[in-house]
Full PDB file with SEQRES, HELIX, SHEET, SSBOND, CRYST1, ORIGX, SCALE, CONECT and MASTER records, all heavy atoms in Angstrom:
SEQRES   1 A   35  PRO HIS MET GLY TRP ASN SER VAL THR LEU LYS GLN LYS          
SEQRES   2 A   35  ASP GLY ILE PHE LYS ASP ILE PRO ASP GLU SER TYR PHE          
SEQRES   3 A   35  TYR PHE VAL HIS SER TYR TYR LEU ASN                          
HELIX    1 AA1 GLY A   15  PHE A   17  5                                   3    
SHEET    1 AA1 2 HIS A   2  VAL A   8  0                                        
SHEET    2 AA1 2 SER A  24  HIS A  30 -1                                        
CRYST1    1.000    1.000    1.000  90.00  90.00  90.00 P 1           1          
ORIGX1      1.000000  0.000000  0.000000        0.00000                         
ORIGX2      0.000000  1.000000  0.000000        0.00000                         
ORIGX3      0.000000  0.000000  1.000000        0.00000                         
SCALE1      1.000000  0.000000  0.000000        0.00000                         
SCALE2      0.000000  1.000000  0.000000        0.00000                         
SCALE3      0.000000  0.000000  1.000000        0.00000                         
ATOM      1  N   PRO A   1      -6.847  15.714  -3.358  1.00  0.00           N  
ATOM      2  CA  PRO A   1      -6.533  14.282  -3.314  1.00  0.00           C  
ATOM      3  C   PRO A   1      -5.181  13.942  -2.682  1.00  0.00           C  
ATOM      4  O   PRO A   1      -4.284  14.782  -2.626  1.00  0.00           O  
ATOM      5  CB  PRO A   1      -6.540  13.870  -4.791  1.00  0.00           C  
ATOM      6  CG  PRO A   1      -6.219  15.131  -5.532  1.00  0.00           C  
ATOM      7  CD  PRO A   1      -6.860  16.236  -4.749  1.00  0.00           C  
ATOM      8  N   HIS A   2      -5.117  12.726  -2.214  1.00  0.00           N  
ATOM      9  CA  HIS A   2      -3.881  12.151  -1.694  1.00  0.00           C  
ATOM     10  C   HIS A   2      -3.030  11.748  -2.901  1.00  0.00           C  
ATOM     11  O   HIS A   2      -3.399  10.871  -3.669  1.00  0.00           O  
ATOM     12  CB  HIS A   2      -4.240  10.935  -0.841  1.00  0.00           C  
ATOM     13  CG  HIS A   2      -3.072  10.079  -0.456  1.00  0.00           C  
ATOM     14  ND1 HIS A   2      -3.209   8.732  -0.222  1.00  0.00           N  
ATOM     15  CD2 HIS A   2      -1.766  10.377  -0.257  1.00  0.00           C  
ATOM     16  CE1 HIS A   2      -2.024   8.226   0.113  1.00  0.00           C  
ATOM     17  NE2 HIS A   2      -1.141   9.204   0.094  1.00  0.00           N  
ATOM     18  N   MET A   3      -1.905  12.413  -3.061  1.00  0.00           N  
ATOM     19  CA  MET A   3      -1.008  12.114  -4.174  1.00  0.00           C  
ATOM     20  C   MET A   3       0.407  11.944  -3.631  1.00  0.00           C  
ATOM     21  O   MET A   3       0.940  12.850  -2.991  1.00  0.00           O  
ATOM     22  CB  MET A   3      -1.013  13.243  -5.209  1.00  0.00           C  
ATOM     23  CG  MET A   3      -2.343  13.479  -5.874  1.00  0.00           C  
ATOM     24  SD  MET A   3      -2.304  14.863  -7.054  1.00  0.00           S  
ATOM     25  CE  MET A   3      -1.153  14.222  -8.258  1.00  0.00           C  
ATOM     26  N   GLY A   4       0.993  10.775  -3.881  1.00  0.00           N  
ATOM     27  CA  GLY A   4       2.376  10.567  -3.471  1.00  0.00           C  
ATOM     28  C   GLY A   4       2.617   9.189  -2.900  1.00  0.00           C  
ATOM     29  O   GLY A   4       1.772   8.296  -2.972  1.00  0.00           O  
ATOM     30  N   TRP A   5       3.787   9.040  -2.325  1.00  0.00           N  
ATOM     31  CA  TRP A   5       4.257   7.748  -1.820  1.00  0.00           C  
ATOM     32  C   TRP A   5       3.870   7.568  -0.358  1.00  0.00           C  
ATOM     33  O   TRP A   5       4.071   8.465   0.462  1.00  0.00           O  
ATOM     34  CB  TRP A   5       5.770   7.656  -1.957  1.00  0.00           C  
ATOM     35  CG  TRP A   5       6.242   7.679  -3.369  1.00  0.00           C  
ATOM     36  CD1 TRP A   5       6.459   8.771  -4.151  1.00  0.00           C  
ATOM     37  CD2 TRP A   5       6.550   6.545  -4.176  1.00  0.00           C  
ATOM     38  NE1 TRP A   5       6.878   8.390  -5.403  1.00  0.00           N  
ATOM     39  CE2 TRP A   5       6.946   7.027  -5.449  1.00  0.00           C  
ATOM     40  CE3 TRP A   5       6.541   5.165  -3.952  1.00  0.00           C  
ATOM     41  CZ2 TRP A   5       7.326   6.184  -6.486  1.00  0.00           C  
ATOM     42  CZ3 TRP A   5       6.903   4.326  -4.982  1.00  0.00           C  
ATOM     43  CH2 TRP A   5       7.295   4.827  -6.234  1.00  0.00           C  
ATOM     44  N   ASN A   6       3.293   6.399  -0.047  1.00  0.00           N  
ATOM     45  CA  ASN A   6       2.961   6.046   1.333  1.00  0.00           C  
ATOM     46  C   ASN A   6       3.441   4.635   1.628  1.00  0.00           C  
ATOM     47  O   ASN A   6       3.375   3.751   0.750  1.00  0.00           O  
ATOM     48  CB  ASN A   6       1.446   6.093   1.556  1.00  0.00           C  
ATOM     49  CG  ASN A   6       0.986   7.383   2.176  1.00  0.00           C  
ATOM     50  OD1 ASN A   6       1.332   8.464   1.695  1.00  0.00           O  
ATOM     51  ND2 ASN A   6       0.206   7.285   3.241  1.00  0.00           N  
ATOM     52  N   SER A   7       3.881   4.430   2.856  1.00  0.00           N  
ATOM     53  CA  SER A   7       4.232   3.074   3.269  1.00  0.00           C  
ATOM     54  C   SER A   7       2.954   2.276   3.526  1.00  0.00           C  
ATOM     55  O   SER A   7       1.931   2.823   3.951  1.00  0.00           O  
ATOM     56  CB  SER A   7       5.110   3.091   4.519  1.00  0.00           C  
ATOM     57  OG  SER A   7       4.425   3.666   5.600  1.00  0.00           O  
ATOM     58  N   VAL A   8       3.028   0.999   3.279  1.00  0.00           N  
ATOM     59  CA  VAL A   8       1.869   0.116   3.349  1.00  0.00           C  
ATOM     60  C   VAL A   8       2.123  -0.974   4.389  1.00  0.00           C  
ATOM     61  O   VAL A   8       3.166  -1.632   4.368  1.00  0.00           O  
ATOM     62  CB  VAL A   8       1.596  -0.494   1.952  1.00  0.00           C  
ATOM     63  CG1 VAL A   8       0.642  -1.667   2.041  1.00  0.00           C  
ATOM     64  CG2 VAL A   8       1.060   0.573   1.006  1.00  0.00           C  
ATOM     65  N   THR A   9       1.175  -1.105   5.311  1.00  0.00           N  
ATOM     66  CA  THR A   9       1.257  -2.125   6.359  1.00  0.00           C  
ATOM     67  C   THR A   9       0.554  -3.385   5.879  1.00  0.00           C  
ATOM     68  O   THR A   9      -0.642  -3.348   5.562  1.00  0.00           O  
ATOM     69  CB  THR A   9       0.608  -1.623   7.651  1.00  0.00           C  
ATOM     70  OG1 THR A   9       1.280  -0.428   8.084  1.00  0.00           O  
ATOM     71  CG2 THR A   9       0.700  -2.675   8.753  1.00  0.00           C  
ATOM     72  N   LEU A  10       1.273  -4.477   5.825  1.00  0.00           N  
ATOM     73  CA  LEU A  10       0.717  -5.717   5.290  1.00  0.00           C  
ATOM     74  C   LEU A  10      -0.089  -6.463   6.341  1.00  0.00           C  
ATOM     75  O   LEU A  10       0.371  -6.674   7.460  1.00  0.00           O  
ATOM     76  CB  LEU A  10       1.836  -6.615   4.759  1.00  0.00           C  
ATOM     77  CG  LEU A  10       2.703  -6.033   3.643  1.00  0.00           C  
ATOM     78  CD1 LEU A  10       3.690  -7.078   3.150  1.00  0.00           C  
ATOM     79  CD2 LEU A  10       1.852  -5.506   2.488  1.00  0.00           C  
ATOM     80  N   LYS A  11      -1.280  -6.872   5.960  1.00  0.00           N  
ATOM     81  CA  LYS A  11      -2.121  -7.754   6.765  1.00  0.00           C  
ATOM     82  C   LYS A  11      -2.053  -9.186   6.243  1.00  0.00           C  
ATOM     83  O   LYS A  11      -2.337 -10.135   6.965  1.00  0.00           O  
ATOM     84  CB  LYS A  11      -3.572  -7.272   6.750  1.00  0.00           C  
ATOM     85  CG  LYS A  11      -3.759  -5.822   7.172  1.00  0.00           C  
ATOM     86  CD  LYS A  11      -3.300  -5.585   8.603  1.00  0.00           C  
ATOM     87  CE  LYS A  11      -3.540  -4.143   9.020  1.00  0.00           C  
ATOM     88  NZ  LYS A  11      -3.053  -3.885  10.392  1.00  0.00           N  
ATOM     89  N   GLN A  12      -1.714  -9.307   4.968  1.00  0.00           N  
ATOM     90  CA  GLN A  12      -1.473 -10.607   4.337  1.00  0.00           C  
ATOM     91  C   GLN A  12      -0.098 -10.540   3.681  1.00  0.00           C  
ATOM     92  O   GLN A  12       0.211  -9.548   3.020  1.00  0.00           O  
ATOM     93  CB  GLN A  12      -2.532 -10.923   3.277  1.00  0.00           C  
ATOM     94  CG  GLN A  12      -3.951 -11.017   3.795  1.00  0.00           C  
ATOM     95  CD  GLN A  12      -4.942 -11.346   2.687  1.00  0.00           C  
ATOM     96  OE1 GLN A  12      -4.591 -11.914   1.645  1.00  0.00           O  
ATOM     97  NE2 GLN A  12      -6.191 -10.997   2.892  1.00  0.00           N  
ATOM     98  N   LYS A  13       0.690 -11.564   3.867  1.00  0.00           N  
ATOM     99  CA  LYS A  13       2.052 -11.548   3.335  1.00  0.00           C  
ATOM    100  C   LYS A  13       2.270 -12.622   2.279  1.00  0.00           C  
ATOM    101  O   LYS A  13       3.397 -13.021   1.997  1.00  0.00           O  
ATOM    102  CB  LYS A  13       3.063 -11.691   4.482  1.00  0.00           C  
ATOM    103  CG  LYS A  13       2.986 -10.524   5.458  1.00  0.00           C  
ATOM    104  CD  LYS A  13       4.040 -10.595   6.540  1.00  0.00           C  
ATOM    105  CE  LYS A  13       3.949  -9.388   7.465  1.00  0.00           C  
ATOM    106  NZ  LYS A  13       4.974  -9.416   8.537  1.00  0.00           N  
ATOM    107  N   ASP A  14       1.171 -13.060   1.682  1.00  0.00           N  
ATOM    108  CA  ASP A  14       1.250 -14.032   0.596  1.00  0.00           C  
ATOM    109  C   ASP A  14       0.549 -13.448  -0.611  1.00  0.00           C  
ATOM    110  O   ASP A  14       0.229 -12.271  -0.659  1.00  0.00           O  
ATOM    111  CB  ASP A  14       0.626 -15.374   1.025  1.00  0.00           C  
ATOM    112  CG  ASP A  14      -0.834 -15.222   1.449  1.00  0.00           C  
ATOM    113  OD1 ASP A  14      -1.340 -14.065   1.471  1.00  0.00           O  
ATOM    114  OD2 ASP A  14      -1.481 -16.232   1.767  1.00  0.00           O  
ATOM    115  N   GLY A  15       0.323 -14.281  -1.619  1.00  0.00           N  
ATOM    116  CA  GLY A  15      -0.371 -13.806  -2.809  1.00  0.00           C  
ATOM    117  C   GLY A  15       0.388 -12.677  -3.482  1.00  0.00           C  
ATOM    118  O   GLY A  15       1.594 -12.772  -3.729  1.00  0.00           O  
ATOM    119  N   ILE A  16      -0.294 -11.561  -3.744  1.00  0.00           N  
ATOM    120  CA  ILE A  16       0.353 -10.454  -4.446  1.00  0.00           C  
ATOM    121  C   ILE A  16       1.426  -9.769  -3.607  1.00  0.00           C  
ATOM    122  O   ILE A  16       2.259  -9.035  -4.145  1.00  0.00           O  
ATOM    123  CB  ILE A  16      -0.673  -9.411  -4.943  1.00  0.00           C  
ATOM    124  CG1 ILE A  16      -1.507  -8.861  -3.787  1.00  0.00           C  
ATOM    125  CG2 ILE A  16      -1.553  -9.991  -6.042  1.00  0.00           C  
ATOM    126  CD1 ILE A  16      -2.421  -7.702  -4.182  1.00  0.00           C  
ATOM    127  N   PHE A  17       1.433 -10.016  -2.293  1.00  0.00           N  
ATOM    128  CA  PHE A  17       2.436  -9.390  -1.425  1.00  0.00           C  
ATOM    129  C   PHE A  17       3.573 -10.347  -1.020  1.00  0.00           C  
ATOM    130  O   PHE A  17       4.374 -10.014  -0.149  1.00  0.00           O  
ATOM    131  CB  PHE A  17       1.765  -8.817  -0.176  1.00  0.00           C  
ATOM    132  CG  PHE A  17       0.934  -7.590  -0.454  1.00  0.00           C  
ATOM    133  CD1 PHE A  17      -0.447  -7.659  -0.434  1.00  0.00           C  
ATOM    134  CD2 PHE A  17       1.531  -6.383  -0.762  1.00  0.00           C  
ATOM    135  CE1 PHE A  17      -1.220  -6.536  -0.704  1.00  0.00           C  
ATOM    136  CE2 PHE A  17       0.779  -5.256  -1.039  1.00  0.00           C  
ATOM    137  CZ  PHE A  17      -0.599  -5.332  -1.008  1.00  0.00           C  
ATOM    138  N   LYS A  18       3.635 -11.483  -1.676  1.00  0.00           N  
ATOM    139  CA  LYS A  18       4.694 -12.456  -1.360  1.00  0.00           C  
ATOM    140  C   LYS A  18       6.080 -11.827  -1.561  1.00  0.00           C  
ATOM    141  O   LYS A  18       6.357 -11.214  -2.596  1.00  0.00           O  
ATOM    142  CB  LYS A  18       4.541 -13.674  -2.269  1.00  0.00           C  
ATOM    143  CG  LYS A  18       5.597 -14.760  -2.003  1.00  0.00           C  
ATOM    144  CD  LYS A  18       5.416 -15.927  -2.960  1.00  0.00           C  
ATOM    145  CE  LYS A  18       6.493 -16.976  -2.739  1.00  0.00           C  
ATOM    146  NZ  LYS A  18       6.374 -18.098  -3.714  1.00  0.00           N  
ATOM    147  N   ASP A  19       6.915 -11.947  -0.547  1.00  0.00           N  
ATOM    148  CA  ASP A  19       8.315 -11.468  -0.583  1.00  0.00           C  
ATOM    149  C   ASP A  19       8.437  -9.955  -0.743  1.00  0.00           C  
ATOM    150  O   ASP A  19       9.499  -9.452  -1.133  1.00  0.00           O  
ATOM    151  CB  ASP A  19       9.113 -12.177  -1.690  1.00  0.00           C  
ATOM    152  CG  ASP A  19       9.222 -13.677  -1.449  1.00  0.00           C  
ATOM    153  OD1 ASP A  19       9.248 -14.094  -0.280  1.00  0.00           O  
ATOM    154  OD2 ASP A  19       9.255 -14.430  -2.437  1.00  0.00           O  
ATOM    155  N   ILE A  20       7.370  -9.223  -0.444  1.00  0.00           N  
ATOM    156  CA  ILE A  20       7.439  -7.759  -0.412  1.00  0.00           C  
ATOM    157  C   ILE A  20       7.550  -7.333   1.044  1.00  0.00           C  
ATOM    158  O   ILE A  20       6.710  -7.710   1.871  1.00  0.00           O  
ATOM    159  CB  ILE A  20       6.198  -7.123  -1.068  1.00  0.00           C  
ATOM    160  CG1 ILE A  20       6.183  -7.431  -2.573  1.00  0.00           C  
ATOM    161  CG2 ILE A  20       6.173  -5.614  -0.833  1.00  0.00           C  
ATOM    162  CD1 ILE A  20       4.955  -6.916  -3.295  1.00  0.00           C  
ATOM    163  N   PRO A  21       8.576  -6.585   1.427  1.00  0.00           N  
ATOM    164  CA  PRO A  21       8.756  -6.210   2.835  1.00  0.00           C  
ATOM    165  C   PRO A  21       7.599  -5.355   3.355  1.00  0.00           C  
ATOM    166  O   PRO A  21       7.048  -4.516   2.634  1.00  0.00           O  
ATOM    167  CB  PRO A  21      10.066  -5.398   2.820  1.00  0.00           C  
ATOM    168  CG  PRO A  21      10.777  -5.842   1.590  1.00  0.00           C  
ATOM    169  CD  PRO A  21       9.701  -6.128   0.585  1.00  0.00           C  
ATOM    170  N   ASP A  22       7.223  -5.605   4.612  1.00  0.00           N  
ATOM    171  CA  ASP A  22       6.230  -4.774   5.269  1.00  0.00           C  
ATOM    172  C   ASP A  22       6.711  -3.318   5.279  1.00  0.00           C  
ATOM    173  O   ASP A  22       7.906  -3.048   5.393  1.00  0.00           O  
ATOM    174  CB  ASP A  22       6.027  -5.273   6.699  1.00  0.00           C  
ATOM    175  CG  ASP A  22       4.756  -4.731   7.331  1.00  0.00           C  
ATOM    176  OD1 ASP A  22       3.885  -4.244   6.598  1.00  0.00           O  
ATOM    177  OD2 ASP A  22       4.643  -4.799   8.578  1.00  0.00           O  
ATOM    178  N   GLU A  23       5.782  -2.397   5.165  1.00  0.00           N  
ATOM    179  CA  GLU A  23       6.048  -0.953   5.142  1.00  0.00           C  
ATOM    180  C   GLU A  23       6.776  -0.507   3.863  1.00  0.00           C  
ATOM    181  O   GLU A  23       7.383   0.560   3.828  1.00  0.00           O  
ATOM    182  CB  GLU A  23       6.812  -0.491   6.387  1.00  0.00           C  
ATOM    183  CG  GLU A  23       6.127  -0.839   7.699  1.00  0.00           C  
ATOM    184  CD  GLU A  23       4.725  -0.256   7.844  1.00  0.00           C  
ATOM    185  OE1 GLU A  23       4.464   0.814   7.253  1.00  0.00           O  
ATOM    186  OE2 GLU A  23       3.884  -0.882   8.524  1.00  0.00           O  
ATOM    187  N   SER A  24       6.691  -1.303   2.813  1.00  0.00           N  
ATOM    188  CA  SER A  24       7.187  -0.845   1.508  1.00  0.00           C  
ATOM    189  C   SER A  24       6.336   0.322   1.023  1.00  0.00           C  
ATOM    190  O   SER A  24       5.168   0.469   1.396  1.00  0.00           O  
ATOM    191  CB  SER A  24       7.122  -1.978   0.477  1.00  0.00           C  
ATOM    192  OG  SER A  24       8.052  -2.989   0.778  1.00  0.00           O  
ATOM    193  N   TYR A  25       6.930   1.167   0.182  1.00  0.00           N  
ATOM    194  CA  TYR A  25       6.244   2.356  -0.306  1.00  0.00           C  
ATOM    195  C   TYR A  25       5.621   2.101  -1.679  1.00  0.00           C  
ATOM    196  O   TYR A  25       6.242   1.493  -2.550  1.00  0.00           O  
ATOM    197  CB  TYR A  25       7.214   3.535  -0.383  1.00  0.00           C  
ATOM    198  CG  TYR A  25       7.425   4.211   0.954  1.00  0.00           C  
ATOM    199  CD1 TYR A  25       8.243   3.633   1.919  1.00  0.00           C  
ATOM    200  CD2 TYR A  25       6.787   5.415   1.266  1.00  0.00           C  
ATOM    201  CE1 TYR A  25       8.427   4.242   3.163  1.00  0.00           C  
ATOM    202  CE2 TYR A  25       6.967   6.035   2.495  1.00  0.00           C  
ATOM    203  CZ  TYR A  25       7.786   5.443   3.438  1.00  0.00           C  
ATOM    204  OH  TYR A  25       7.959   6.043   4.661  1.00  0.00           O  
ATOM    205  N   PHE A  26       4.396   2.601  -1.837  1.00  0.00           N  
ATOM    206  CA  PHE A  26       3.669   2.525  -3.101  1.00  0.00           C  
ATOM    207  C   PHE A  26       3.111   3.907  -3.424  1.00  0.00           C  
ATOM    208  O   PHE A  26       2.921   4.747  -2.539  1.00  0.00           O  
ATOM    209  CB  PHE A  26       2.537   1.496  -3.027  1.00  0.00           C  
ATOM    210  CG  PHE A  26       3.008   0.077  -2.910  1.00  0.00           C  
ATOM    211  CD1 PHE A  26       3.279  -0.486  -1.674  1.00  0.00           C  
ATOM    212  CD2 PHE A  26       3.189  -0.701  -4.041  1.00  0.00           C  
ATOM    213  CE1 PHE A  26       3.714  -1.798  -1.558  1.00  0.00           C  
ATOM    214  CE2 PHE A  26       3.628  -2.013  -3.942  1.00  0.00           C  
ATOM    215  CZ  PHE A  26       3.898  -2.563  -2.702  1.00  0.00           C  
ATOM    216  N   TYR A  27       2.816   4.127  -4.703  1.00  0.00           N  
ATOM    217  CA  TYR A  27       2.381   5.444  -5.173  1.00  0.00           C  
ATOM    218  C   TYR A  27       0.858   5.513  -5.262  1.00  0.00           C  
ATOM    219  O   TYR A  27       0.220   4.692  -5.914  1.00  0.00           O  
ATOM    220  CB  TYR A  27       2.998   5.755  -6.537  1.00  0.00           C  
ATOM    221  CG  TYR A  27       2.732   7.170  -6.982  1.00  0.00           C  
ATOM    222  CD1 TYR A  27       3.450   8.227  -6.432  1.00  0.00           C  
ATOM    223  CD2 TYR A  27       1.754   7.440  -7.926  1.00  0.00           C  
ATOM    224  CE1 TYR A  27       3.193   9.538  -6.829  1.00  0.00           C  
ATOM    225  CE2 TYR A  27       1.497   8.745  -8.329  1.00  0.00           C  
ATOM    226  CZ  TYR A  27       2.224   9.785  -7.763  1.00  0.00           C  
ATOM    227  OH  TYR A  27       1.970  11.070  -8.146  1.00  0.00           O  
ATOM    228  N   PHE A  28       0.283   6.550  -4.623  1.00  0.00           N  
ATOM    229  CA  PHE A  28      -1.164   6.738  -4.544  1.00  0.00           C  
ATOM    230  C   PHE A  28      -1.589   8.021  -5.262  1.00  0.00           C  
ATOM    231  O   PHE A  28      -0.899   9.032  -5.213  1.00  0.00           O  
ATOM    232  CB  PHE A  28      -1.609   6.874  -3.083  1.00  0.00           C  
ATOM    233  CG  PHE A  28      -1.525   5.610  -2.273  1.00  0.00           C  
ATOM    234  CD1 PHE A  28      -0.312   5.175  -1.755  1.00  0.00           C  
ATOM    235  CD2 PHE A  28      -2.665   4.877  -1.995  1.00  0.00           C  
ATOM    236  CE1 PHE A  28      -0.238   4.030  -0.982  1.00  0.00           C  
ATOM    237  CE2 PHE A  28      -2.603   3.726  -1.226  1.00  0.00           C  
ATOM    238  CZ  PHE A  28      -1.389   3.296  -0.722  1.00  0.00           C  
ATOM    239  N   VAL A  29      -2.769   7.978  -5.880  1.00  0.00           N  
ATOM    240  CA  VAL A  29      -3.457   9.170  -6.387  1.00  0.00           C  
ATOM    241  C   VAL A  29      -4.950   8.917  -6.222  1.00  0.00           C  
ATOM    242  O   VAL A  29      -5.562   8.195  -7.014  1.00  0.00           O  
ATOM    243  CB  VAL A  29      -3.145   9.448  -7.874  1.00  0.00           C  
ATOM    244  CG1 VAL A  29      -3.850  10.731  -8.316  1.00  0.00           C  
ATOM    245  CG2 VAL A  29      -1.669   9.557  -8.141  1.00  0.00           C  
ATOM    246  N   HIS A  30      -5.574   9.521  -5.185  1.00  0.00           N  
ATOM    247  CA  HIS A  30      -7.007   9.273  -4.973  1.00  0.00           C  
ATOM    248  C   HIS A  30      -7.588  10.251  -3.958  1.00  0.00           C  
ATOM    249  O   HIS A  30      -6.873  10.795  -3.112  1.00  0.00           O  
ATOM    250  CB  HIS A  30      -7.245   7.836  -4.500  1.00  0.00           C  
ATOM    251  CG  HIS A  30      -6.626   7.506  -3.167  1.00  0.00           C  
ATOM    252  ND1 HIS A  30      -7.361   7.039  -2.103  1.00  0.00           N  
ATOM    253  CD2 HIS A  30      -5.345   7.601  -2.721  1.00  0.00           C  
ATOM    254  CE1 HIS A  30      -6.558   6.838  -1.069  1.00  0.00           C  
ATOM    255  NE2 HIS A  30      -5.340   7.171  -1.420  1.00  0.00           N  
ATOM    256  N   SER A  31      -8.897  10.442  -4.058  1.00  0.00           N  
ATOM    257  CA  SER A  31      -9.640  11.268  -3.118  1.00  0.00           C  
ATOM    258  C   SER A  31     -10.632  10.455  -2.287  1.00  0.00           C  
ATOM    259  O   SER A  31     -11.171  10.961  -1.301  1.00  0.00           O  
ATOM    260  CB  SER A  31     -10.427  12.358  -3.867  1.00  0.00           C  
ATOM    261  OG  SER A  31      -9.561  13.216  -4.575  1.00  0.00           O  
ATOM    262  N   TYR A  32     -10.872   9.222  -2.695  1.00  0.00           N  
ATOM    263  CA  TYR A  32     -11.811   8.340  -2.011  1.00  0.00           C  
ATOM    264  C   TYR A  32     -11.074   7.063  -1.607  1.00  0.00           C  
ATOM    265  O   TYR A  32     -10.097   6.681  -2.252  1.00  0.00           O  
ATOM    266  CB  TYR A  32     -13.014   8.032  -2.903  1.00  0.00           C  
ATOM    267  CG  TYR A  32     -13.851   9.266  -3.165  1.00  0.00           C  
ATOM    268  CD1 TYR A  32     -13.474  10.172  -4.151  1.00  0.00           C  
ATOM    269  CD2 TYR A  32     -14.973   9.544  -2.398  1.00  0.00           C  
ATOM    270  CE1 TYR A  32     -14.210  11.326  -4.377  1.00  0.00           C  
ATOM    271  CE2 TYR A  32     -15.719  10.695  -2.621  1.00  0.00           C  
ATOM    272  CZ  TYR A  32     -15.326  11.586  -3.604  1.00  0.00           C  
ATOM    273  OH  TYR A  32     -16.048  12.728  -3.809  1.00  0.00           O  
ATOM    274  N   TYR A  33     -11.564   6.430  -0.547  1.00  0.00           N  
ATOM    275  CA  TYR A  33     -10.828   5.283  -0.016  1.00  0.00           C  
ATOM    276  C   TYR A  33     -11.782   4.222   0.501  1.00  0.00           C  
ATOM    277  O   TYR A  33     -12.950   4.506   0.808  1.00  0.00           O  
ATOM    278  CB  TYR A  33      -9.886   5.726   1.101  1.00  0.00           C  
ATOM    279  CG  TYR A  33     -10.571   6.057   2.419  1.00  0.00           C  
ATOM    280  CD1 TYR A  33     -10.548   5.167   3.491  1.00  0.00           C  
ATOM    281  CD2 TYR A  33     -11.251   7.258   2.596  1.00  0.00           C  
ATOM    282  CE1 TYR A  33     -11.178   5.463   4.693  1.00  0.00           C  
ATOM    283  CE2 TYR A  33     -11.873   7.572   3.793  1.00  0.00           C  
ATOM    284  CZ  TYR A  33     -11.840   6.666   4.847  1.00  0.00           C  
ATOM    285  OH  TYR A  33     -12.471   6.963   6.028  1.00  0.00           O  
ATOM    286  N   LEU A  34     -11.272   3.019   0.614  1.00  0.00           N  
ATOM    287  CA  LEU A  34     -12.045   1.886   1.111  1.00  0.00           C  
ATOM    288  C   LEU A  34     -12.028   1.855   2.634  1.00  0.00           C  
ATOM    289  O   LEU A  34     -10.972   1.953   3.261  1.00  0.00           O  
ATOM    290  CB  LEU A  34     -11.475   0.586   0.552  1.00  0.00           C  
ATOM    291  CG  LEU A  34     -12.023  -0.719   1.153  1.00  0.00           C  
ATOM    292  CD1 LEU A  34     -13.519  -0.851   0.897  1.00  0.00           C  
ATOM    293  CD2 LEU A  34     -11.268  -1.920   0.591  1.00  0.00           C  
ATOM    294  N   ASN A  35     -13.224   1.671   3.200  1.00  0.00           N  
ATOM    295  CA  ASN A  35     -13.383   1.517   4.640  1.00  0.00           C  
ATOM    296  C   ASN A  35     -14.451   0.456   4.882  1.00  0.00           C  
ATOM    297  O   ASN A  35     -15.404   0.343   4.117  1.00  0.00           O  
ATOM    298  CB  ASN A  35     -13.801   2.850   5.272  1.00  0.00           C  
ATOM    299  CG  ASN A  35     -13.866   2.782   6.785  1.00  0.00           C  
ATOM    300  OD1 ASN A  35     -13.115   2.021   7.414  1.00  0.00           O  
ATOM    301  ND2 ASN A  35     -14.728   3.576   7.381  1.00  0.00           N  
TER     302      ASN A  35                                                      
MASTER        0    0    0    1    2    0    0    6  301    1    0    3          
END                                                                             
């Protein structure tokens, strides 16, 4: 699995991502992903 910190590219900059800088890092733990 993918475990660790990855930068996130924002496609929407409102709602839950309001005032969060693009390419901020978030913590992931998963083997499956959305496509």
